[in-house]
Amino acid sequence: MKLELYQRVALCRDMPLYQLQKGDVAMLVDRVPPPREGEDDGCVLEIFNALGESILVVAVSPSDVEPLRADEVLAVRSLVQANSP
């Protein structure tokens, strides 16, 4: 399935480097060319907090995201890690 720009998507895997978890919602804001010929374009995602403020922009593989579905419900979690000072 081709994802459209400015479509909301959900992450398909955890991304501990960015404190993101599978199921987190992001907005697809751009595509980037693949590093090697024959590979898929990358997806540039913008992550927002619960208030709608932009907190992160990250590039991922298209296989790392999926479109949202009508049978899913959004949830809220803290971005602060439990072991942070």
N, C-alpha and C. Protein backbone atom coordinates (compact mmCIF):
# COMPACT_ATOMS: atom_id res chain seq x y z
N MET A 1 0.84 -1.18 0.00
CA MET A 1 0.00 0.00 0.00
C MET A 1 0.88 1.25 0.00
N LYS A 2 0.59 2.16 -0.89
CA LYS A 2 1.37 3.40 -0.97
C LYS A 2 0.84 4.39 0.07
N LEU A 3 1.74 4.88 0.89
CA LEU A 3 1.37 5.87 1.89
C LEU A 3 1.40 7.25 1.26
N GLU A 4 0.42 8.07 1.60
CA GLU A 4 0.31 9.42 1.06
C GLU A 4 0.98 10.41 2.01
N LEU A 5 1.53 11.49 1.45
CA LEU A 5 2.09 12.54 2.28
C LEU A 5 1.01 13.12 3.19
N TYR A 6 1.39 13.50 4.38
CA TYR A 6 0.54 14.09 5.41
C TYR A 6 -0.52 13.11 5.92
N GLN A 7 -0.26 11.85 5.72
CA GLN A 7 -1.11 10.79 6.27
C GLN A 7 -0.57 10.41 7.65
N ARG A 8 -1.45 10.16 8.59
CA ARG A 8 -1.03 9.64 9.89
C ARG A 8 -0.70 8.17 9.74
N VAL A 9 0.39 7.75 10.38
CA VAL A 9 0.83 6.37 10.34
C VAL A 9 1.19 5.92 11.75
N ALA A 10 1.28 4.61 11.93
CA ALA A 10 1.71 4.04 13.21
C ALA A 10 3.03 3.32 13.00
N LEU A 11 3.89 3.40 13.99
CA LEU A 11 5.16 2.68 13.93
C LEU A 11 4.92 1.19 14.08
N CYS A 12 5.67 0.39 13.34
CA CYS A 12 5.55 -1.07 13.39
C CYS A 12 6.58 -1.71 14.30
N ARG A 13 7.50 -0.90 14.85
CA ARG A 13 8.53 -1.45 15.73
C ARG A 13 8.97 -0.38 16.72
N ASP A 14 9.57 -0.81 17.82
CA ASP A 14 10.14 0.11 18.79
C ASP A 14 11.39 0.76 18.20
N MET A 15 11.63 2.02 18.57
CA MET A 15 12.82 2.75 18.18
C MET A 15 13.41 3.39 19.43
N PRO A 16 14.13 2.57 20.23
CA PRO A 16 14.63 3.04 21.52
C PRO A 16 15.53 4.28 21.43
N LEU A 17 16.26 4.42 20.35
CA LEU A 17 17.14 5.58 20.18
C LEU A 17 16.36 6.89 20.29
N TYR A 18 15.12 6.86 19.83
CA TYR A 18 14.27 8.06 19.83
C TYR A 18 13.18 8.01 20.90
N GLN A 19 13.20 7.00 21.74
CA GLN A 19 12.19 6.78 22.78
C GLN A 19 10.80 6.58 22.17
N LEU A 20 10.75 6.00 20.99
CA LEU A 20 9.47 5.72 20.32
C LEU A 20 9.15 4.24 20.44
N GLN A 21 7.86 3.94 20.47
CA GLN A 21 7.42 2.56 20.64
C GLN A 21 6.48 2.16 19.51
N LYS A 22 6.44 0.87 19.28
CA LYS A 22 5.50 0.31 18.31
C LYS A 22 4.11 0.84 18.64
N GLY A 23 3.39 1.31 17.63
CA GLY A 23 2.05 1.85 17.84
C GLY A 23 2.00 3.36 17.98
N ASP A 24 3.15 4.01 18.22
CA ASP A 24 3.16 5.47 18.29
C ASP A 24 2.70 6.03 16.94
N VAL A 25 1.99 7.14 16.99
CA VAL A 25 1.44 7.76 15.78
C VAL A 25 2.36 8.89 15.31
N ALA A 26 2.54 8.98 14.00
CA ALA A 26 3.37 10.01 13.39
C ALA A 26 2.69 10.50 12.12
N MET A 27 3.21 11.60 11.58
CA MET A 27 2.71 12.14 10.31
C MET A 27 3.80 11.97 9.27
N LEU A 28 3.45 11.38 8.13
CA LEU A 28 4.38 11.24 7.02
C LEU A 28 4.49 12.59 6.32
N VAL A 29 5.66 13.24 6.43
CA VAL A 29 5.81 14.60 5.90
C VAL A 29 6.69 14.68 4.65
N ASP A 30 7.44 13.64 4.34
CA ASP A 30 8.28 13.69 3.15
C ASP A 30 8.79 12.30 2.83
N ARG A 31 9.36 12.19 1.65
CA ARG A 31 10.04 10.96 1.24
C ARG A 31 11.46 11.32 0.85
N VAL A 32 12.39 10.42 1.07
CA VAL A 32 13.79 10.65 0.69
C VAL A 32 14.23 9.52 -0.23
N PRO A 33 15.14 9.81 -1.16
CA PRO A 33 15.60 8.78 -2.08
C PRO A 33 16.30 7.65 -1.33
N PRO A 34 16.23 6.45 -1.86
CA PRO A 34 16.88 5.31 -1.21
C PRO A 34 18.40 5.42 -1.29
N PRO A 35 19.10 4.82 -0.32
CA PRO A 35 20.57 4.87 -0.35
C PRO A 35 21.16 4.06 -1.50
N ARG A 36 20.45 3.04 -1.95
CA ARG A 36 20.93 2.19 -3.04
C ARG A 36 19.84 1.99 -4.06
N GLU A 37 20.24 1.88 -5.32
CA GLU A 37 19.28 1.65 -6.40
C GLU A 37 18.50 0.36 -6.15
N GLY A 38 17.20 0.40 -6.44
CA GLY A 38 16.36 -0.78 -6.27
C GLY A 38 15.69 -0.87 -4.92
N GLU A 39 16.06 -0.01 -3.98
CA GLU A 39 15.42 0.00 -2.66
C GLU A 39 14.29 1.02 -2.65
N ASP A 40 13.42 0.91 -1.65
CA ASP A 40 12.30 1.83 -1.52
C ASP A 40 12.77 3.18 -0.97
N ASP A 41 12.00 4.23 -1.30
CA ASP A 41 12.26 5.54 -0.71
C ASP A 41 12.11 5.46 0.80
N GLY A 42 12.82 6.32 1.51
CA GLY A 42 12.64 6.42 2.95
C GLY A 42 11.46 7.32 3.27
N CYS A 43 10.94 7.22 4.48
CA CYS A 43 9.82 8.04 4.94
C CYS A 43 10.31 8.99 6.02
N VAL A 44 10.01 10.26 5.88
CA VAL A 44 10.33 11.24 6.91
C VAL A 44 9.07 11.44 7.74
N LEU A 45 9.19 11.18 9.03
CA LEU A 45 8.05 11.27 9.94
C LEU A 45 8.22 12.45 10.89
N GLU A 46 7.12 13.11 11.20
CA GLU A 46 7.12 14.11 12.25
C GLU A 46 6.28 13.55 13.40
N ILE A 47 6.86 13.60 14.59
CA ILE A 47 6.20 13.08 15.79
C ILE A 47 5.71 14.27 16.60
N PHE A 48 4.50 14.18 17.09
CA PHE A 48 3.89 15.24 17.89
C PHE A 48 3.57 14.72 19.29
N ASN A 49 3.58 15.63 20.28
CA ASN A 49 3.13 15.23 21.61
C ASN A 49 1.61 15.29 21.65
N ALA A 50 1.03 14.99 22.80
CA ALA A 50 -0.43 14.92 22.92
C ALA A 50 -1.10 16.28 22.71
N LEU A 51 -0.34 17.38 22.84
CA LEU A 51 -0.89 18.71 22.64
C LEU A 51 -0.76 19.18 21.19
N GLY A 52 -0.17 18.34 20.34
CA GLY A 52 -0.02 18.68 18.93
C GLY A 52 1.25 19.45 18.61
N GLU A 53 2.18 19.52 19.57
CA GLU A 53 3.45 20.20 19.35
C GLU A 53 4.46 19.24 18.75
N SER A 54 5.18 19.70 17.75
CA SER A 54 6.18 18.87 17.10
C SER A 54 7.35 18.62 18.06
N ILE A 55 7.75 17.35 18.21
CA ILE A 55 8.84 17.04 19.11
C ILE A 55 10.01 16.31 18.45
N LEU A 56 9.80 15.79 17.23
CA LEU A 56 10.86 15.01 16.60
C LEU A 56 10.56 14.82 15.12
N VAL A 57 11.62 14.84 14.31
CA VAL A 57 11.53 14.47 12.91
C VAL A 57 12.56 13.38 12.68
N VAL A 58 12.15 12.28 12.06
CA VAL A 58 13.04 11.14 11.88
C VAL A 58 12.75 10.48 10.53
N ALA A 59 13.80 9.93 9.91
CA ALA A 59 13.64 9.18 8.65
C ALA A 59 13.66 7.69 8.96
N VAL A 60 12.71 6.96 8.38
CA VAL A 60 12.60 5.52 8.61
C VAL A 60 12.33 4.81 7.28
N SER A 61 12.41 3.51 7.31
CA SER A 61 12.07 2.69 6.15
C SER A 61 10.54 2.59 6.05
N PRO A 62 10.01 2.46 4.84
CA PRO A 62 8.56 2.29 4.70
C PRO A 62 8.03 1.06 5.46
N SER A 63 8.87 0.06 5.65
CA SER A 63 8.43 -1.13 6.38
C SER A 63 8.29 -0.87 7.88
N ASP A 64 8.76 0.29 8.35
CA ASP A 64 8.66 0.64 9.77
C ASP A 64 7.33 1.29 10.13
N VAL A 65 6.50 1.56 9.13
CA VAL A 65 5.22 2.24 9.39
C VAL A 65 4.08 1.56 8.67
N GLU A 66 2.88 1.79 9.17
CA GLU A 66 1.68 1.29 8.53
C GLU A 66 0.57 2.32 8.70
N PRO A 67 -0.39 2.33 7.79
CA PRO A 67 -1.49 3.30 7.92
C PRO A 67 -2.34 2.99 9.15
N LEU A 68 -2.97 4.02 9.69
CA LEU A 68 -3.91 3.81 10.80
C LEU A 68 -5.16 3.14 10.26
N ARG A 69 -5.83 2.40 11.14
CA ARG A 69 -7.06 1.70 10.76
C ARG A 69 -8.23 2.21 11.60
N ALA A 70 -9.42 2.06 11.09
CA ALA A 70 -10.63 2.52 11.78
C ALA A 70 -10.90 1.76 13.07
N ASP A 71 -10.35 0.55 13.21
CA ASP A 71 -10.61 -0.24 14.41
C ASP A 71 -9.55 -0.03 15.49
N GLU A 72 -8.71 1.02 15.35
CA GLU A 72 -7.68 1.31 16.34
C GLU A 72 -8.07 2.53 17.17
N VAL A 73 -7.57 2.57 18.41
CA VAL A 73 -7.83 3.67 19.32
C VAL A 73 -6.50 4.29 19.72
N LEU A 74 -6.43 5.62 19.74
CA LEU A 74 -5.20 6.30 20.17
C LEU A 74 -5.07 6.22 21.68
N ALA A 75 -3.83 6.23 22.16
CA ALA A 75 -3.55 6.18 23.59
C ALA A 75 -2.48 7.22 23.91
N VAL A 76 -2.28 7.49 25.19
CA VAL A 76 -1.28 8.46 25.64
C VAL A 76 -0.31 7.75 26.57
N ARG A 77 0.99 8.08 26.40
CA ARG A 77 2.02 7.56 27.30
C ARG A 77 3.05 8.66 27.49
N SER A 78 3.83 8.57 28.54
CA SER A 78 4.87 9.56 28.81
C SER A 78 6.09 9.24 27.97
N LEU A 79 6.69 10.28 27.41
CA LEU A 79 7.92 10.12 26.63
C LEU A 79 9.14 10.01 27.52
N VAL A 80 9.03 10.44 28.76
CA VAL A 80 10.15 10.39 29.71
C VAL A 80 10.40 8.95 30.11
N GLN A 81 11.67 8.53 30.02
CA GLN A 81 12.01 7.17 30.40
C GLN A 81 11.94 7.02 31.92
N ALA A 82 11.58 5.85 32.36
CA ALA A 82 11.43 5.58 33.80
C ALA A 82 12.74 5.79 34.55
N ASN A 83 13.89 5.54 33.91
CA ASN A 83 15.16 5.67 34.62
C ASN A 83 15.85 7.00 34.39
N SER A 84 15.12 8.01 33.82
CA SER A 84 15.70 9.33 33.61
C SER A 84 15.82 10.05 34.95
N PRO A 85 16.85 10.92 35.11
CA PRO A 85 17.01 11.67 36.36
C PRO A 85 15.92 12.70 36.56
